[in-house]
Amino acid sequence: MTQPFISVVIPTYGREEPLRETLIDVLKQDYPSYEVLVVDQTPVHEPDIQQFLEDLAQVGKIQWFKLDWASLPGARNYAVRRSSGEILLFIDDDVQLEPGYLAAHAKNYQRSEVGAVAGRVFDRMKLADFASGLEIQDLPPEAHDPGIAWYHLNLVHTVKPQQVLSARGCNMSYRREVFEKYGIWFDERFRGSAVREESDFCLKANTQQDEVKR
């Protein structure tokens, strides 16, 4: 089966070394077809990070968009409109990725009914719990409450794929048709750190899906 082309979207604001580490992890991915879009809203980078980004852009490893305004949902929408991927994958500018990360997202889209993937988030503060063997096979009922589902994607809650109502913006992907066919976009009225803007997006997508099924 042909692997879908993935657009990896990284909005960034005020990150320096963590952004470099994230990009290194993305560019080490063993996946045949993907692009990286960095939507940069940092006014001034440290010289070494500035040079790092310039070098990557110059050789075509990233598409680097420098903006003079700051909005997390705005940055996501900006990248979607300029991307080419069948799958839009959103991560934060301070994440660490496993080598098979892109392939893991892509595998889910072999099923035509899957329109979005909420990736598990390994909270560094809770890694000790995971190391001690704490594993819960099924998400608790609270994970299906739209008000707090966002909190239940941590490593301590599940070790198997299952349905959830929301995703965390640092690890989520969608088919392009969610945006272009169904007209669902990130709400740019969310300001500042835009807390829960991804949950709002997911709830709109879920509502649209329910309407299509009727």
Protein backbone atom coordinates (compact mmCIF):
# COMPACT_ATOMS: atom_id res chain seq x y z
CA MET A 1 0.00 0.00 0.00
CA THR A 2 1.25 3.47 -0.90
CA GLN A 3 2.32 5.51 2.10
CA PRO A 4 0.42 8.82 2.40
CA PHE A 5 2.37 12.03 2.00
CA ILE A 6 2.51 13.75 5.41
CA SER A 7 2.88 17.44 6.13
CA VAL A 8 4.47 17.92 9.56
CA VAL A 9 3.41 21.28 10.96
CA ILE A 10 5.45 22.91 13.73
CA PRO A 11 4.24 26.29 15.02
CA THR A 12 6.93 27.92 17.13
CA TYR A 13 7.19 30.95 19.36
CA GLY A 14 10.08 31.77 21.66
CA ARG A 15 11.76 28.36 21.40
CA GLU A 16 15.45 27.93 20.86
CA GLU A 17 17.31 24.70 21.71
CA PRO A 18 14.11 22.62 22.16
CA LEU A 19 13.07 23.62 18.63
CA ARG A 20 16.42 22.46 17.26
CA GLU A 21 16.06 19.10 19.05
CA THR A 22 12.53 18.64 17.76
CA LEU A 23 13.58 19.33 14.18
CA ILE A 24 16.47 16.91 14.45
CA ASP A 25 14.05 14.20 15.60
CA VAL A 26 11.63 14.97 12.76
CA LEU A 27 14.34 14.92 10.10
CA LYS A 28 15.68 11.58 11.36
CA GLN A 29 12.34 9.88 10.70
CA ASP A 30 12.56 6.75 8.55
CA TYR A 31 9.51 7.57 6.44
CA PRO A 32 9.57 7.87 2.64
CA SER A 33 7.36 10.89 1.93
CA TYR A 34 6.92 13.92 4.14
CA GLU A 35 7.54 17.64 4.34
CA VAL A 36 8.21 19.87 7.34
CA LEU A 37 6.59 23.28 7.71
CA VAL A 38 7.92 25.51 10.48
CA VAL A 39 5.65 28.47 11.18
CA ASP A 40 7.98 30.75 13.09
CA GLN A 41 6.53 33.60 15.12
CA THR A 42 9.64 34.26 17.22
CA PRO A 43 10.70 37.90 16.71
CA VAL A 44 14.45 37.28 17.12
CA HIS A 45 16.27 33.95 17.50
CA GLU A 46 19.60 33.33 19.12
CA PRO A 47 22.29 33.49 16.40
CA ASP A 48 23.05 29.75 16.35
CA ILE A 49 19.37 28.78 16.11
CA GLN A 50 18.82 31.39 13.41
CA GLN A 51 21.71 29.90 11.42
CA PHE A 52 20.43 26.36 12.01
CA LEU A 53 17.01 27.25 10.60
CA GLU A 54 18.48 29.14 7.67
CA ASP A 55 20.69 26.17 6.78
CA LEU A 56 17.78 23.70 6.87
CA ALA A 57 15.61 25.96 4.75
CA GLN A 58 18.38 26.59 2.23
CA VAL A 59 18.87 22.89 1.50
CA GLY A 60 15.12 22.25 1.38
CA LYS A 61 14.79 20.16 4.50
CA ILE A 62 12.15 22.48 5.94
CA GLN A 63 9.77 25.14 4.69
CA TRP A 64 10.40 28.05 7.04
CA PHE A 65 7.70 30.70 7.30
CA LYS A 66 8.61 33.80 9.29
CA LEU A 67 5.55 35.70 10.54
CA ASP A 68 5.29 39.01 12.35
CA TRP A 69 2.19 38.00 14.30
CA ALA A 70 1.61 35.34 16.96
CA SER A 71 -1.35 32.97 17.05
CA LEU A 72 -1.20 29.22 17.58
CA PRO A 73 -4.45 28.37 15.75
CA GLY A 74 -3.55 30.98 13.14
CA ALA A 75 -0.17 29.31 12.60
CA ARG A 76 -1.83 25.92 12.15
CA ASN A 77 -4.28 27.27 9.57
CA TYR A 78 -1.49 29.16 7.79
CA ALA A 79 0.49 25.94 7.39
CA VAL A 80 -2.46 23.87 6.21
CA ARG A 81 -3.09 26.33 3.37
CA ARG A 82 0.54 26.05 2.26
CA SER A 83 1.04 22.33 2.72
CA SER A 84 0.85 19.49 0.21
CA GLY A 85 0.23 16.45 2.39
CA GLU A 86 -2.70 14.12 2.32
CA ILE A 87 -2.22 13.95 6.09
CA LEU A 88 -1.62 17.02 8.25
CA LEU A 89 0.37 16.15 11.37
CA PHE A 90 0.74 18.75 14.12
CA ILE A 91 3.42 18.71 16.79
CA ASP A 92 4.79 21.23 19.26
CA ASP A 93 8.20 22.88 19.11
CA ASP A 94 9.52 21.08 22.20
CA VAL A 95 8.66 17.41 21.70
CA GLN A 96 10.84 14.33 21.44
CA LEU A 97 9.89 11.72 18.83
CA GLU A 98 10.50 8.01 18.50
CA PRO A 99 12.15 6.91 15.22
CA GLY A 100 8.93 5.32 13.88
CA TYR A 101 6.69 8.23 14.80
CA LEU A 102 5.54 9.23 11.30
CA ALA A 103 5.02 5.64 10.25
CA ALA A 104 2.88 5.04 13.33
CA HIS A 105 0.55 7.89 12.40
CA ALA A 106 0.43 6.81 8.75
CA LYS A 107 -0.48 3.23 9.62
CA ASN A 108 -3.80 4.33 11.11
CA TYR A 109 -4.88 5.90 7.82
CA GLN A 110 -4.87 2.54 6.06
CA ARG A 111 -8.45 2.39 7.36
CA SER A 112 -10.58 4.69 5.22
CA GLU A 113 -12.97 5.46 8.08
CA VAL A 114 -10.19 7.07 10.13
CA GLY A 115 -10.14 10.83 9.65
CA ALA A 116 -7.99 11.84 12.62
CA VAL A 117 -5.42 10.37 15.00
CA ALA A 118 -4.81 11.51 18.56
CA GLY A 119 -1.33 10.34 19.44
CA ARG A 120 -0.39 9.31 22.94
CA VAL A 121 1.60 11.87 24.87
CA PHE A 122 4.36 10.69 27.16
CA ASP A 123 4.51 13.30 29.89
CA ARG A 124 8.12 13.51 31.05
CA MET A 125 6.91 14.17 34.59
CA LYS A 126 5.17 10.76 34.63
CA LEU A 127 7.76 8.57 32.98
CA ALA A 128 8.58 7.04 36.37
CA ASP A 129 5.01 5.72 36.59
CA PHE A 130 5.39 4.06 33.21
CA ALA A 131 8.74 2.54 34.14
CA SER A 132 7.15 0.98 37.21
CA GLY A 133 4.79 -1.02 35.00
CA LEU A 134 1.56 0.96 35.44
CA GLU A 135 -0.60 0.05 32.43
CA ILE A 136 -4.36 0.45 32.01
CA GLN A 137 -5.81 -1.35 29.00
CA ASP A 138 -8.86 0.88 28.60
CA LEU A 139 -9.36 4.58 29.00
CA PRO A 140 -11.56 5.62 31.92
CA PRO A 141 -15.09 6.90 31.20
CA GLU A 142 -13.87 10.45 31.77
CA ALA A 143 -11.94 10.20 28.51
CA HIS A 144 -15.27 10.44 26.68
CA ASP A 145 -16.31 13.60 28.48
CA PRO A 146 -15.59 16.46 26.05
CA GLY A 147 -14.78 18.78 28.95
CA ILE A 148 -11.80 16.80 30.22
CA ALA A 149 -10.98 14.19 27.58
CA TRP A 150 -7.81 16.13 26.77
CA TYR A 151 -6.26 14.99 30.07
CA HIS A 152 -6.66 11.29 29.37
CA LEU A 153 -4.12 10.79 26.60
CA ASN A 154 -1.18 10.28 28.92
CA LEU A 155 0.96 7.18 28.96
CA VAL A 156 -0.49 5.88 32.23
CA HIS A 157 -3.99 5.42 30.86
CA THR A 158 -3.82 3.01 27.95
CA VAL A 159 -1.51 0.77 25.96
CA LYS A 160 -3.87 0.00 23.08
CA PRO A 161 -5.50 2.06 20.30
CA GLN A 162 -9.05 3.20 20.98
CA GLN A 163 -11.44 6.03 20.29
CA VAL A 164 -11.15 9.34 22.11
CA LEU A 165 -13.05 12.60 21.79
CA SER A 166 -10.10 14.97 21.75
CA ALA A 167 -6.42 15.22 20.88
CA ARG A 168 -3.49 17.13 22.28
CA GLY A 169 -2.04 19.67 19.92
CA CYS A 170 1.50 18.39 20.39
CA ASN A 171 0.63 15.04 18.76
CA MET A 172 -2.36 14.89 16.40
CA SER A 173 -3.05 14.36 12.71
CA TYR A 174 -5.96 14.77 10.30
CA ARG A 175 -6.85 13.96 6.73
CA ARG A 176 -6.74 17.04 4.51
CA GLU A 177 -10.43 16.62 3.70
CA VAL A 178 -11.30 17.57 7.28
CA PHE A 179 -10.23 21.10 6.35
CA GLU A 180 -10.99 21.33 2.66
CA LYS A 181 -14.10 19.16 2.27
CA TYR A 182 -15.79 19.77 5.60
CA GLY A 183 -14.52 23.30 6.20
CA ILE A 184 -13.29 22.75 9.76
CA TRP A 185 -10.44 25.06 10.76
CA PHE A 186 -8.73 26.06 13.98
CA ASP A 187 -10.58 28.93 15.61
CA GLU A 188 -8.32 31.98 15.56
CA ARG A 189 -10.39 33.69 18.22
CA PHE A 190 -8.37 31.67 20.75
CA ARG A 191 -5.71 34.08 21.98
CA GLY A 192 -2.46 33.84 23.91
CA SER A 193 -1.51 30.24 24.62
CA ALA A 194 -4.87 29.24 23.04
CA VAL A 195 -5.65 26.67 25.73
CA ARG A 196 -7.93 23.92 24.41
CA GLU A 197 -8.07 25.23 20.86
CA GLU A 198 -7.33 21.69 19.70
CA SER A 199 -10.20 20.30 21.80
CA ASP A 200 -12.53 22.84 20.21
CA PHE A 201 -11.35 21.70 16.77
CA CYS A 202 -11.88 18.03 17.64
CA LEU A 203 -15.39 18.64 18.94
CA LYS A 204 -16.33 20.42 15.71
CA ALA A 205 -14.90 17.50 13.72
CA ASN A 206 -16.85 15.00 15.83
CA THR A 207 -20.04 16.99 15.34
CA GLN A 208 -19.49 17.07 11.58
CA GLN A 209 -18.90 13.31 11.56
CA ASP A 210 -22.13 12.67 13.45
CA GLU A 211 -24.06 14.81 10.98
CA VAL A 212 -22.57 12.93 8.01
CA LYS A 213 -23.64 9.61 9.54
CA ARG A 214 -27.26 10.70 9.90
